[in-house]
N, C-alpha and C. Protein backbone atom coordinates (compact mmCIF):
# COMPACT_ATOMS: atom_id res chain seq x y z
N MET A 1 16.69 37.42 47.72
CA MET A 1 17.48 38.65 47.37
C MET A 1 17.97 39.49 48.66
N SER A 2 17.01 39.38 49.62
CA SER A 2 17.37 40.21 50.79
C SER A 2 18.33 39.56 51.69
N GLY A 3 18.87 40.14 52.58
CA GLY A 3 19.82 39.56 53.48
C GLY A 3 21.20 39.49 52.86
N CYS A 4 21.58 40.21 51.99
CA CYS A 4 22.90 40.07 51.42
C CYS A 4 23.96 40.76 52.41
N CYS A 5 23.63 41.50 53.27
CA CYS A 5 24.56 42.03 54.25
C CYS A 5 24.18 41.69 55.56
N ASN A 6 24.82 41.18 56.48
CA ASN A 6 24.53 40.84 57.93
C ASN A 6 24.76 41.79 59.02
N HIS A 7 25.87 42.62 58.61
CA HIS A 7 26.20 43.59 59.82
C HIS A 7 25.53 44.95 59.41
N ASP A 8 25.21 45.60 60.58
CA ASP A 8 24.42 46.85 60.49
C ASP A 8 25.31 48.06 59.65
N GLY A 9 26.45 48.09 59.82
CA GLY A 9 27.30 48.96 59.14
C GLY A 9 27.18 48.71 57.54
N SER A 10 27.30 47.43 57.27
CA SER A 10 27.27 47.11 55.90
C SER A 10 25.79 47.35 55.05
N LEU A 11 24.91 47.12 56.06
CA LEU A 11 23.53 47.36 55.61
C LEU A 11 23.16 48.81 55.45
N ASP A 12 23.75 49.73 56.28
CA ASP A 12 23.52 51.07 56.22
C ASP A 12 24.28 51.56 54.95
N ARG A 13 25.41 50.97 54.58
CA ARG A 13 26.19 51.50 53.36
C ARG A 13 25.38 50.98 52.17
N LEU A 14 24.84 49.79 52.21
CA LEU A 14 23.96 49.37 51.15
C LEU A 14 22.80 50.21 50.80
N HIS A 15 22.01 50.54 51.88
CA HIS A 15 20.88 51.52 51.72
C HIS A 15 21.35 52.92 51.35
N ALA A 16 22.37 53.33 51.74
CA ALA A 16 22.89 54.58 51.30
C ALA A 16 23.24 54.66 49.76
N ARG A 17 23.81 53.63 49.37
CA ARG A 17 24.13 53.30 47.96
C ARG A 17 22.75 53.36 47.09
N GLN A 18 21.85 52.49 47.52
CA GLN A 18 20.53 52.42 46.93
C GLN A 18 19.82 53.80 46.90
N ARG A 19 19.97 54.66 48.05
CA ARG A 19 19.24 55.95 47.98
C ARG A 19 19.80 56.88 46.95
N GLY A 20 21.19 56.92 46.88
CA GLY A 20 21.94 57.82 45.92
C GLY A 20 21.45 57.51 44.48
N THR A 21 21.46 56.20 44.14
CA THR A 21 21.26 55.78 42.79
C THR A 21 19.73 56.07 42.50
N LEU A 22 18.82 55.90 43.47
CA LEU A 22 17.50 56.12 43.16
C LEU A 22 17.16 57.71 43.03
N GLN A 23 17.95 58.55 43.83
CA GLN A 23 17.75 59.91 43.67
C GLN A 23 18.13 60.40 42.19
N ILE A 24 19.17 59.80 41.87
CA ILE A 24 19.64 60.17 40.42
C ILE A 24 18.51 59.82 39.37
N VAL A 25 18.25 58.54 39.42
CA VAL A 25 17.25 58.07 38.46
C VAL A 25 15.92 58.70 38.48
N LEU A 26 15.51 58.99 39.55
CA LEU A 26 14.34 59.91 39.91
C LEU A 26 14.29 61.18 39.15
N GLY A 27 15.47 61.92 39.44
CA GLY A 27 15.49 63.27 38.76
C GLY A 27 15.58 63.05 37.17
N ILE A 28 16.25 61.95 36.68
CA ILE A 28 16.24 61.76 35.24
C ILE A 28 14.93 61.60 34.69
N ASN A 29 14.27 60.79 35.31
CA ASN A 29 12.80 60.27 34.81
C ASN A 29 11.78 61.41 34.96
N ALA A 30 11.90 62.22 36.08
CA ALA A 30 10.86 63.24 36.14
C ALA A 30 11.25 64.34 35.05
N GLY A 31 12.46 64.62 34.81
CA GLY A 31 12.82 65.58 33.67
C GLY A 31 12.27 65.05 32.45
N MET A 32 12.45 63.74 32.07
CA MET A 32 12.19 63.12 30.77
C MET A 32 10.82 63.07 30.65
N PHE A 33 9.89 62.89 31.60
CA PHE A 33 8.58 62.93 31.49
C PHE A 33 8.02 64.30 31.00
N LEU A 34 8.62 65.33 31.64
CA LEU A 34 8.16 66.76 31.18
C LEU A 34 8.42 67.01 29.74
N VAL A 35 9.69 66.50 29.25
CA VAL A 35 10.16 66.88 28.02
C VAL A 35 9.39 65.94 27.03
N ILE A 36 9.17 64.61 27.27
CA ILE A 36 8.56 63.73 26.24
C ILE A 36 7.09 63.86 26.27
N VAL A 37 6.39 64.23 27.41
CA VAL A 37 5.04 64.37 27.13
C VAL A 37 4.69 65.60 26.32
N ALA A 38 5.51 66.72 26.53
CA ALA A 38 5.22 67.81 25.59
C ALA A 38 5.53 67.52 24.10
N ALA A 39 6.61 66.67 23.99
CA ALA A 39 6.90 66.29 22.46
C ALA A 39 5.75 65.32 21.84
N ALA A 40 5.10 64.50 22.82
CA ALA A 40 4.21 63.61 22.42
C ALA A 40 2.73 64.39 21.96
N LEU A 41 2.51 65.33 22.81
CA LEU A 41 1.42 66.07 22.53
C LEU A 41 1.51 67.02 21.26
N TYR A 42 2.69 67.65 21.19
CA TYR A 42 2.98 68.30 19.87
C TYR A 42 3.10 67.41 18.62
N GLY A 43 3.61 66.29 18.79
CA GLY A 43 4.01 65.44 17.62
C GLY A 43 2.61 64.53 17.43
N LYS A 44 1.59 64.50 18.23
CA LYS A 44 0.48 63.70 18.08
C LYS A 44 0.62 62.21 18.08
N SER A 45 1.66 61.82 18.82
CA SER A 45 2.18 60.41 18.83
C SER A 45 1.59 59.67 20.16
N THR A 46 0.79 58.67 19.87
CA THR A 46 0.25 57.70 21.08
C THR A 46 1.62 56.90 21.57
N ALA A 47 2.41 56.50 20.67
CA ALA A 47 3.45 55.65 21.23
C ALA A 47 4.37 56.44 22.12
N LEU A 48 4.73 57.75 21.70
CA LEU A 48 5.46 58.61 22.39
C LEU A 48 4.89 59.01 23.82
N LEU A 49 3.43 59.22 23.61
CA LEU A 49 2.76 59.42 24.83
C LEU A 49 2.90 58.20 25.89
N ALA A 50 2.92 57.14 25.41
CA ALA A 50 3.03 55.85 26.21
C ALA A 50 4.34 55.91 26.87
N ASP A 51 5.32 56.39 26.11
CA ASP A 51 6.64 56.35 26.64
C ASP A 51 6.83 57.32 27.74
N SER A 52 6.15 58.56 27.51
CA SER A 52 6.18 59.59 28.58
C SER A 52 5.54 59.12 29.82
N LEU A 53 4.43 58.46 29.70
CA LEU A 53 3.74 58.00 30.83
C LEU A 53 4.62 56.87 31.52
N ASP A 54 5.31 56.21 30.77
CA ASP A 54 6.28 55.13 31.40
C ASP A 54 7.31 56.09 32.37
N ASN A 55 7.74 57.08 31.74
CA ASN A 55 8.75 57.94 32.63
C ASN A 55 8.13 58.40 33.81
N LEU A 56 6.92 58.74 33.79
CA LEU A 56 6.14 59.41 34.93
C LEU A 56 5.94 58.28 35.97
N GLY A 57 5.52 56.98 35.52
CA GLY A 57 5.25 55.92 36.37
C GLY A 57 6.78 55.50 37.12
N ASP A 58 7.86 55.58 36.30
CA ASP A 58 9.12 55.31 37.04
C ASP A 58 9.53 56.32 37.93
N ALA A 59 9.15 57.63 37.62
CA ALA A 59 9.48 58.79 38.64
C ALA A 59 8.85 58.37 40.00
N LEU A 60 7.40 58.06 39.78
CA LEU A 60 6.57 57.84 41.17
C LEU A 60 7.35 56.47 41.77
N THR A 61 7.71 55.48 40.84
CA THR A 61 8.25 54.18 41.48
C THR A 61 9.47 54.39 42.13
N TYR A 62 10.37 55.21 41.53
CA TYR A 62 11.64 55.57 42.22
C TYR A 62 11.42 56.42 43.59
N GLY A 63 10.38 57.17 43.55
CA GLY A 63 10.06 57.99 44.94
C GLY A 63 9.61 56.92 45.88
N LEU A 64 8.70 55.97 45.50
CA LEU A 64 8.35 55.00 46.51
C LEU A 64 9.52 54.16 46.95
N SER A 65 10.30 53.74 45.94
CA SER A 65 11.38 52.88 46.32
C SER A 65 12.32 53.44 47.30
N LEU A 66 12.63 54.89 47.12
CA LEU A 66 13.43 55.68 48.01
C LEU A 66 12.73 55.54 49.53
N TYR A 67 11.40 55.69 49.62
CA TYR A 67 10.70 55.31 50.98
C TYR A 67 11.04 53.97 51.53
N ALA A 68 11.09 52.97 50.65
CA ALA A 68 11.06 51.71 51.07
C ALA A 68 12.52 51.05 51.34
N VAL A 69 13.54 51.90 50.94
CA VAL A 69 14.88 51.33 50.96
C VAL A 69 15.31 50.77 52.31
N SER A 70 15.11 51.28 53.45
CA SER A 70 15.56 50.76 54.72
C SER A 70 14.31 50.16 55.62
N ARG A 71 13.23 50.04 54.79
CA ARG A 71 12.06 49.33 55.66
C ARG A 71 12.10 47.88 55.55
N SER A 72 11.27 47.18 56.26
CA SER A 72 11.28 45.75 56.34
C SER A 72 10.77 45.12 54.96
N ALA A 73 11.04 43.85 54.95
CA ALA A 73 10.86 43.00 53.62
C ALA A 73 9.34 43.02 53.35
N ALA A 74 8.45 43.15 54.26
CA ALA A 74 6.91 43.22 54.28
C ALA A 74 6.57 44.61 53.63
N VAL A 75 7.23 45.72 54.13
CA VAL A 75 6.84 47.03 53.45
C VAL A 75 7.44 47.22 52.10
N LYS A 76 8.58 46.58 51.78
CA LYS A 76 9.22 46.60 50.40
C LYS A 76 8.23 45.83 49.46
N ALA A 77 7.75 44.77 50.03
CA ALA A 77 6.84 43.97 49.04
C ALA A 77 5.48 44.74 48.92
N ARG A 78 4.97 45.44 49.88
CA ARG A 78 3.65 46.25 49.69
C ARG A 78 3.98 47.42 48.70
N VAL A 79 5.14 48.05 48.91
CA VAL A 79 5.64 49.05 47.92
C VAL A 79 5.59 48.54 46.42
N ALA A 80 6.27 47.29 46.35
CA ALA A 80 6.47 46.77 44.99
C ALA A 80 5.12 46.48 44.53
N LEU A 81 4.13 46.10 45.37
CA LEU A 81 2.76 45.71 44.88
C LEU A 81 2.10 46.87 44.36
N PHE A 82 2.13 48.06 45.10
CA PHE A 82 1.75 49.36 44.69
C PHE A 82 2.37 49.81 43.30
N LYS A 83 3.58 49.49 43.15
CA LYS A 83 4.36 50.00 42.02
C LYS A 83 3.74 48.99 40.72
N GLY A 84 3.60 47.82 40.95
CA GLY A 84 2.81 47.11 39.99
C GLY A 84 1.51 47.50 39.55
N GLY A 85 0.85 47.93 40.62
CA GLY A 85 -0.55 48.62 40.19
C GLY A 85 -0.27 50.03 39.37
N LEU A 86 0.61 50.80 39.62
CA LEU A 86 1.00 51.88 38.77
C LEU A 86 1.44 51.69 37.46
N ILE A 87 2.06 50.60 37.13
CA ILE A 87 2.25 50.11 35.68
C ILE A 87 1.10 49.60 35.08
N PHE A 88 0.16 48.97 35.73
CA PHE A 88 -1.05 48.41 35.31
C PHE A 88 -1.96 49.67 34.92
N VAL A 89 -1.83 50.73 35.65
CA VAL A 89 -2.80 51.90 35.27
C VAL A 89 -2.21 52.60 34.17
N ALA A 90 -0.84 52.64 34.01
CA ALA A 90 -0.36 53.32 32.85
C ALA A 90 -0.72 52.58 31.62
N ALA A 91 -0.66 51.31 31.60
CA ALA A 91 -1.16 50.47 30.40
C ALA A 91 -2.59 50.88 30.19
N LEU A 92 -3.45 50.91 31.12
CA LEU A 92 -4.80 51.23 30.91
C LEU A 92 -5.00 52.66 30.22
N MET A 93 -4.07 53.50 30.61
CA MET A 93 -4.12 55.01 30.03
C MET A 93 -3.77 55.05 28.72
N VAL A 94 -2.80 54.08 28.31
CA VAL A 94 -2.36 54.01 26.78
C VAL A 94 -3.39 53.51 26.05
N ALA A 95 -4.06 52.30 26.60
CA ALA A 95 -5.13 51.71 26.02
C ALA A 95 -6.24 52.55 25.62
N ALA A 96 -6.63 53.60 26.55
CA ALA A 96 -7.65 54.58 26.43
C ALA A 96 -7.21 55.41 25.20
N GLN A 97 -6.06 55.93 25.15
CA GLN A 97 -5.56 56.75 24.07
C GLN A 97 -5.65 56.09 22.68
N ILE A 98 -5.28 54.77 22.76
CA ILE A 98 -5.42 54.02 21.35
C ILE A 98 -6.89 54.03 20.91
N ILE A 99 -7.76 53.74 21.76
CA ILE A 99 -9.27 53.71 21.59
C ILE A 99 -9.63 55.15 20.90
N TYR A 100 -9.21 56.19 21.64
CA TYR A 100 -9.41 57.61 21.11
C TYR A 100 -9.00 57.78 19.73
N ARG A 101 -7.82 57.13 19.23
CA ARG A 101 -7.16 57.47 18.09
C ARG A 101 -8.02 56.63 17.06
N PHE A 102 -8.58 55.72 17.44
CA PHE A 102 -9.51 54.99 16.28
C PHE A 102 -10.67 55.90 15.96
N PHE A 103 -11.22 56.77 16.78
CA PHE A 103 -12.29 57.58 16.58
C PHE A 103 -11.83 59.03 15.91
N VAL A 104 -10.57 59.40 16.51
CA VAL A 104 -9.98 60.63 16.06
C VAL A 104 -8.56 60.35 15.49
N PRO A 105 -8.57 59.90 14.21
CA PRO A 105 -7.18 59.55 13.68
C PRO A 105 -6.36 60.61 13.27
N SER A 106 -5.05 60.67 13.55
CA SER A 106 -4.06 61.66 12.89
C SER A 106 -2.77 61.13 12.79
N ILE A 107 -2.02 61.64 11.89
CA ILE A 107 -0.81 61.07 11.38
C ILE A 107 0.33 61.91 12.36
N PRO A 108 1.04 61.15 13.14
CA PRO A 108 1.97 61.79 14.04
C PRO A 108 3.27 62.31 13.25
N LEU A 109 4.06 63.16 13.95
CA LEU A 109 5.19 63.77 13.34
C LEU A 109 6.32 62.84 13.57
N PHE A 110 6.87 62.08 12.59
CA PHE A 110 7.85 61.17 12.70
C PHE A 110 9.09 61.69 13.14
N GLU A 111 9.46 62.87 12.81
CA GLU A 111 10.72 63.52 13.19
C GLU A 111 10.73 63.77 14.81
N VAL A 112 9.55 64.12 15.25
CA VAL A 112 9.50 64.32 16.71
C VAL A 112 9.54 62.91 17.38
N MET A 113 8.81 61.95 16.90
CA MET A 113 9.06 60.71 17.45
C MET A 113 10.40 60.07 17.40
N GLY A 114 11.18 60.21 16.39
CA GLY A 114 12.43 59.66 16.25
C GLY A 114 13.48 60.45 17.17
N VAL A 115 13.42 61.79 17.29
CA VAL A 115 14.39 62.62 18.10
C VAL A 115 14.21 62.21 19.53
N PHE A 116 12.92 62.32 20.05
CA PHE A 116 12.66 62.30 21.38
C PHE A 116 12.66 60.72 21.88
N SER A 117 12.51 59.76 20.98
CA SER A 117 12.65 58.37 21.43
C SER A 117 14.16 58.08 21.67
N LEU A 118 15.05 58.67 20.89
CA LEU A 118 16.50 58.48 21.07
C LEU A 118 16.98 59.15 22.26
N LEU A 119 16.41 60.49 22.44
CA LEU A 119 16.73 61.17 23.71
C LEU A 119 16.39 60.29 24.91
N GLY A 120 15.11 59.72 24.91
CA GLY A 120 14.72 58.83 25.92
C GLY A 120 15.61 57.59 26.25
N LEU A 121 15.96 57.16 24.88
CA LEU A 121 16.80 55.90 24.97
C LEU A 121 18.03 56.26 25.84
N ALA A 122 18.73 57.28 25.50
CA ALA A 122 19.92 57.66 26.07
C ALA A 122 19.80 57.76 27.60
N ALA A 123 18.74 58.48 28.16
CA ALA A 123 18.49 58.77 29.46
C ALA A 123 18.16 57.42 30.12
N ASN A 124 17.24 56.63 29.60
CA ASN A 124 17.14 55.26 30.23
C ASN A 124 18.19 54.29 30.16
N ALA A 125 18.99 54.47 29.24
CA ALA A 125 20.20 53.61 29.23
C ALA A 125 21.20 53.90 30.44
N LEU A 126 21.12 55.19 30.68
CA LEU A 126 22.01 55.78 31.83
C LEU A 126 21.40 55.11 33.21
N CYS A 127 20.03 55.21 33.20
CA CYS A 127 19.29 54.80 34.44
C CYS A 127 19.62 53.33 34.53
N LEU A 128 19.55 52.52 33.61
CA LEU A 128 19.55 51.07 33.73
C LEU A 128 21.07 50.70 34.11
N PHE A 129 22.09 51.48 33.60
CA PHE A 129 23.52 51.25 34.03
C PHE A 129 23.63 51.31 35.35
N LEU A 130 23.02 52.42 35.99
CA LEU A 130 23.21 52.80 37.32
C LEU A 130 22.49 51.89 38.26
N LEU A 131 21.40 51.35 37.76
CA LEU A 131 20.55 50.39 38.66
C LEU A 131 21.20 48.91 38.48
N ARG A 132 21.88 48.65 37.57
CA ARG A 132 22.36 47.29 37.24
C ARG A 132 22.93 46.69 38.48
N ARG A 133 23.75 47.23 39.29
CA ARG A 133 24.38 46.57 40.52
C ARG A 133 23.35 46.32 41.55
N HIS A 134 22.19 46.82 41.55
CA HIS A 134 21.28 46.72 42.66
C HIS A 134 20.08 45.81 42.29
N ARG A 135 20.15 45.12 41.17
CA ARG A 135 18.83 44.44 40.62
C ARG A 135 18.77 43.07 41.41
N GLN A 136 19.71 42.72 42.27
CA GLN A 136 19.49 41.34 42.85
C GLN A 136 19.43 41.70 44.31
N GLU A 137 19.43 42.83 44.86
CA GLU A 137 19.54 43.05 46.23
C GLU A 137 18.23 42.82 47.03
N ASP A 138 17.14 43.15 46.59
CA ASP A 138 15.78 43.04 47.25
C ASP A 138 14.69 43.06 46.18
N VAL A 139 13.55 42.82 46.57
CA VAL A 139 12.39 42.95 45.87
C VAL A 139 12.07 44.33 45.45
N ASN A 140 12.26 45.35 46.16
CA ASN A 140 12.23 46.79 45.89
C ASN A 140 13.10 47.13 44.87
N MET A 141 14.40 46.80 44.75
CA MET A 141 15.39 47.16 43.87
C MET A 141 14.98 46.45 42.44
N SER A 142 14.64 45.12 42.63
CA SER A 142 14.29 44.20 41.61
C SER A 142 13.23 44.89 40.71
N SER A 143 12.08 45.33 41.37
CA SER A 143 11.04 45.83 40.62
C SER A 143 11.37 47.20 39.93
N VAL A 144 12.20 48.11 40.59
CA VAL A 144 12.82 49.15 39.91
C VAL A 144 13.61 48.67 38.63
N TRP A 145 14.49 47.67 38.55
CA TRP A 145 15.19 47.23 37.49
C TRP A 145 14.25 46.78 36.55
N GLU A 146 13.15 46.10 36.98
CA GLU A 146 12.16 45.67 35.95
C GLU A 146 11.55 46.93 35.13
N CYS A 147 11.17 47.96 35.82
CA CYS A 147 10.62 49.08 35.16
C CYS A 147 11.57 49.74 34.19
N SER A 148 12.89 49.86 34.77
CA SER A 148 13.85 50.48 33.78
C SER A 148 14.19 49.78 32.58
N ARG A 149 14.23 48.46 32.71
CA ARG A 149 14.46 47.57 31.57
C ARG A 149 13.50 47.70 30.42
N ASN A 150 12.22 47.78 30.86
CA ASN A 150 11.04 48.10 30.09
C ASN A 150 11.20 49.40 29.22
N ASP A 151 11.70 50.29 29.84
CA ASP A 151 11.87 51.68 29.07
C ASP A 151 12.83 51.66 27.82
N ILE A 152 13.78 50.71 27.94
CA ILE A 152 14.67 50.52 26.84
C ILE A 152 13.87 49.96 25.55
N ALA A 153 13.09 49.04 25.84
CA ALA A 153 12.36 48.37 24.75
C ALA A 153 11.33 49.44 24.21
N SER A 154 10.66 50.28 25.10
CA SER A 154 9.78 51.34 24.82
C SER A 154 10.32 52.34 23.81
N ASN A 155 11.45 52.74 24.19
CA ASN A 155 12.24 53.80 23.47
C ASN A 155 12.56 53.10 22.04
N LEU A 156 13.14 51.95 21.93
CA LEU A 156 13.51 51.31 20.60
C LEU A 156 12.23 51.19 19.83
N SER A 157 11.05 50.76 20.54
CA SER A 157 9.93 50.56 19.62
C SER A 157 9.40 51.82 19.07
N VAL A 158 9.40 52.88 19.94
CA VAL A 158 8.94 54.23 19.31
C VAL A 158 9.83 54.71 18.01
N PHE A 159 11.17 54.37 18.32
CA PHE A 159 12.06 54.78 17.16
C PHE A 159 11.71 54.10 15.87
N VAL A 160 11.46 52.84 16.10
CA VAL A 160 11.09 51.98 14.89
C VAL A 160 9.62 52.40 14.27
N ALA A 161 8.80 52.75 15.22
CA ALA A 161 7.64 53.27 14.69
C ALA A 161 7.68 54.62 13.93
N ALA A 162 8.52 55.37 14.38
CA ALA A 162 8.90 56.64 13.69
C ALA A 162 9.28 56.45 12.19
N GLY A 163 10.21 55.41 12.14
CA GLY A 163 10.60 55.12 10.72
C GLY A 163 9.50 54.52 9.90
N ALA A 164 8.68 53.75 10.45
CA ALA A 164 7.41 53.11 9.79
C ALA A 164 6.44 54.15 9.38
N VAL A 165 6.25 55.18 10.21
CA VAL A 165 5.43 56.23 10.05
C VAL A 165 5.90 56.99 8.82
N TRP A 166 7.17 57.29 8.83
CA TRP A 166 7.72 58.08 7.77
C TRP A 166 7.55 57.24 6.45
N PHE A 167 7.88 56.01 6.46
CA PHE A 167 7.76 55.22 5.25
C PHE A 167 6.36 54.82 4.62
N THR A 168 5.40 54.70 5.58
CA THR A 168 4.07 54.38 5.07
C THR A 168 3.21 55.59 4.89
N GLY A 169 3.52 56.72 5.64
CA GLY A 169 2.80 57.99 5.50
C GLY A 169 1.30 57.82 6.27
N SER A 170 1.35 56.91 7.29
CA SER A 170 0.14 56.58 8.00
C SER A 170 0.37 56.57 9.55
N ASP A 171 -0.74 56.32 10.27
CA ASP A 171 -0.62 56.30 11.69
C ASP A 171 -0.73 54.96 12.24
N TRP A 172 -0.89 54.08 11.47
CA TRP A 172 -1.01 52.49 11.97
C TRP A 172 0.30 52.07 12.73
N PRO A 173 1.59 52.39 12.33
CA PRO A 173 2.74 52.02 13.07
C PRO A 173 2.76 52.50 14.59
N ASP A 174 2.31 53.85 14.67
CA ASP A 174 2.26 54.40 15.85
C ASP A 174 1.26 53.66 16.82
N VAL A 175 0.13 53.47 16.19
CA VAL A 175 -0.99 52.59 17.11
C VAL A 175 -0.40 51.16 17.46
N ALA A 176 0.18 50.67 16.38
CA ALA A 176 0.70 49.40 16.55
C ALA A 176 1.66 49.19 17.81
N VAL A 177 2.68 50.05 17.68
CA VAL A 177 3.67 50.05 18.75
C VAL A 177 3.10 50.37 20.05
N ALA A 178 2.23 51.36 20.17
CA ALA A 178 1.41 51.67 21.39
C ALA A 178 0.73 50.39 21.96
N LEU A 179 0.14 49.41 21.02
CA LEU A 179 -0.51 48.31 21.51
C LEU A 179 0.47 47.46 22.05
N GLY A 180 1.79 47.35 21.42
CA GLY A 180 2.80 46.43 21.96
C GLY A 180 3.24 46.90 23.22
N LEU A 181 3.31 48.22 23.59
CA LEU A 181 3.75 48.78 24.82
C LEU A 181 2.80 48.62 25.87
N VAL A 182 1.48 48.49 25.51
CA VAL A 182 0.38 48.27 26.49
C VAL A 182 0.69 46.75 26.92
N TRP A 183 0.88 45.82 26.01
CA TRP A 183 1.09 44.42 26.35
C TRP A 183 2.32 44.37 27.28
N LEU A 184 3.49 45.05 26.97
CA LEU A 184 4.66 44.95 27.78
C LEU A 184 4.48 45.69 29.16
N LEU A 185 3.63 46.54 29.34
CA LEU A 185 3.38 47.25 30.53
C LEU A 185 2.53 46.25 31.42
N MET A 186 1.58 45.70 30.77
CA MET A 186 0.76 44.64 31.36
C MET A 186 1.48 43.53 31.97
N ARG A 187 2.46 43.00 31.02
CA ARG A 187 3.24 41.75 31.47
C ARG A 187 4.24 42.24 32.46
N SER A 188 4.69 43.37 32.44
CA SER A 188 5.62 43.88 33.62
C SER A 188 4.84 44.01 34.96
N ALA A 189 3.56 44.53 34.89
CA ALA A 189 2.80 44.78 36.00
C ALA A 189 2.46 43.39 36.77
N MET A 190 2.21 42.39 35.93
CA MET A 190 1.78 41.14 36.52
C MET A 190 3.12 40.46 37.08
N ARG A 191 4.30 40.61 36.39
CA ARG A 191 5.50 40.00 37.00
C ARG A 191 5.89 40.71 38.43
N VAL A 192 5.73 42.08 38.56
CA VAL A 192 6.11 42.84 39.66
C VAL A 192 5.00 42.46 40.88
N ILE A 193 3.83 42.34 40.49
CA ILE A 193 2.71 42.15 41.42
C ILE A 193 2.90 40.66 42.01
N SER A 194 3.33 39.57 41.09
CA SER A 194 3.36 38.32 41.36
C SER A 194 4.61 38.13 42.48
N ALA A 195 5.69 38.90 42.09
CA ALA A 195 6.94 38.72 42.94
C ALA A 195 6.61 39.38 44.31
N ALA A 196 5.92 40.48 44.35
CA ALA A 196 5.54 41.18 45.53
C ALA A 196 4.52 40.28 46.54
N LEU A 197 3.57 39.71 45.77
CA LEU A 197 2.73 38.74 46.49
C LEU A 197 3.34 37.64 47.24
N GLY A 198 4.47 36.98 46.35
CA GLY A 198 5.23 36.07 46.94
C GLY A 198 6.13 36.43 48.04
N GLU A 199 6.73 37.74 47.98
CA GLU A 199 7.38 38.23 49.29
C GLU A 199 6.49 38.49 50.34
N LEU A 200 5.25 39.04 50.13
CA LEU A 200 4.35 39.14 51.26
C LEU A 200 4.02 37.89 52.04
N ARG A 201 3.84 36.77 51.20
CA ARG A 201 3.58 35.41 51.70
C ARG A 201 4.70 34.92 52.56
N ALA A 202 6.05 35.19 52.05
CA ALA A 202 7.27 34.60 52.72
C ALA A 202 7.30 35.52 54.10
N ALA A 203 6.92 36.69 53.98
CA ALA A 203 7.07 37.71 55.23
C ALA A 203 6.23 37.30 56.19
N SER A 204 4.93 36.87 55.89
CA SER A 204 4.00 36.46 56.82
C SER A 204 4.06 35.15 57.40
């Protein structure tokens, strides 16, 4: 993926474009985390909470990616490895919330889940559109693309769970979707970590 530009001027322009895109998506995800975590706590939705933690992880990921934009391949790989670790920690946090819900059950507000999952979907679709042209440039931007693609699936899953909560009048769809998001986050973490380790071996 790396080495797509050979001249210093072209490389500088590439890095400038990457920084500009990352700054925009960082702002979007930081704002969406604050909005959705408040909605998740108010609506008592584990799936929506998982979605908000995903936004927080993405905001941290984009910040790290900004740092790594003009660094060496080895630095980018180490940053990607750390990002994989962040995704893994987010999965563990959601899993802990699911365990808590088994002991303290509550029916989430499906209206809150539906509205804010669609709001998150719109924001993440914009991020994915902005990041699309960068996804093959290097391991740093590839891992960012991976995180953003997961967000679309997360938002759609929460929206489906909202409809199922409304239809069944129970909390099991919320918990079921949260479990699915844990699997998605774990899978993504392993993919990012594996790619980063491969880049580190190549760089060494």
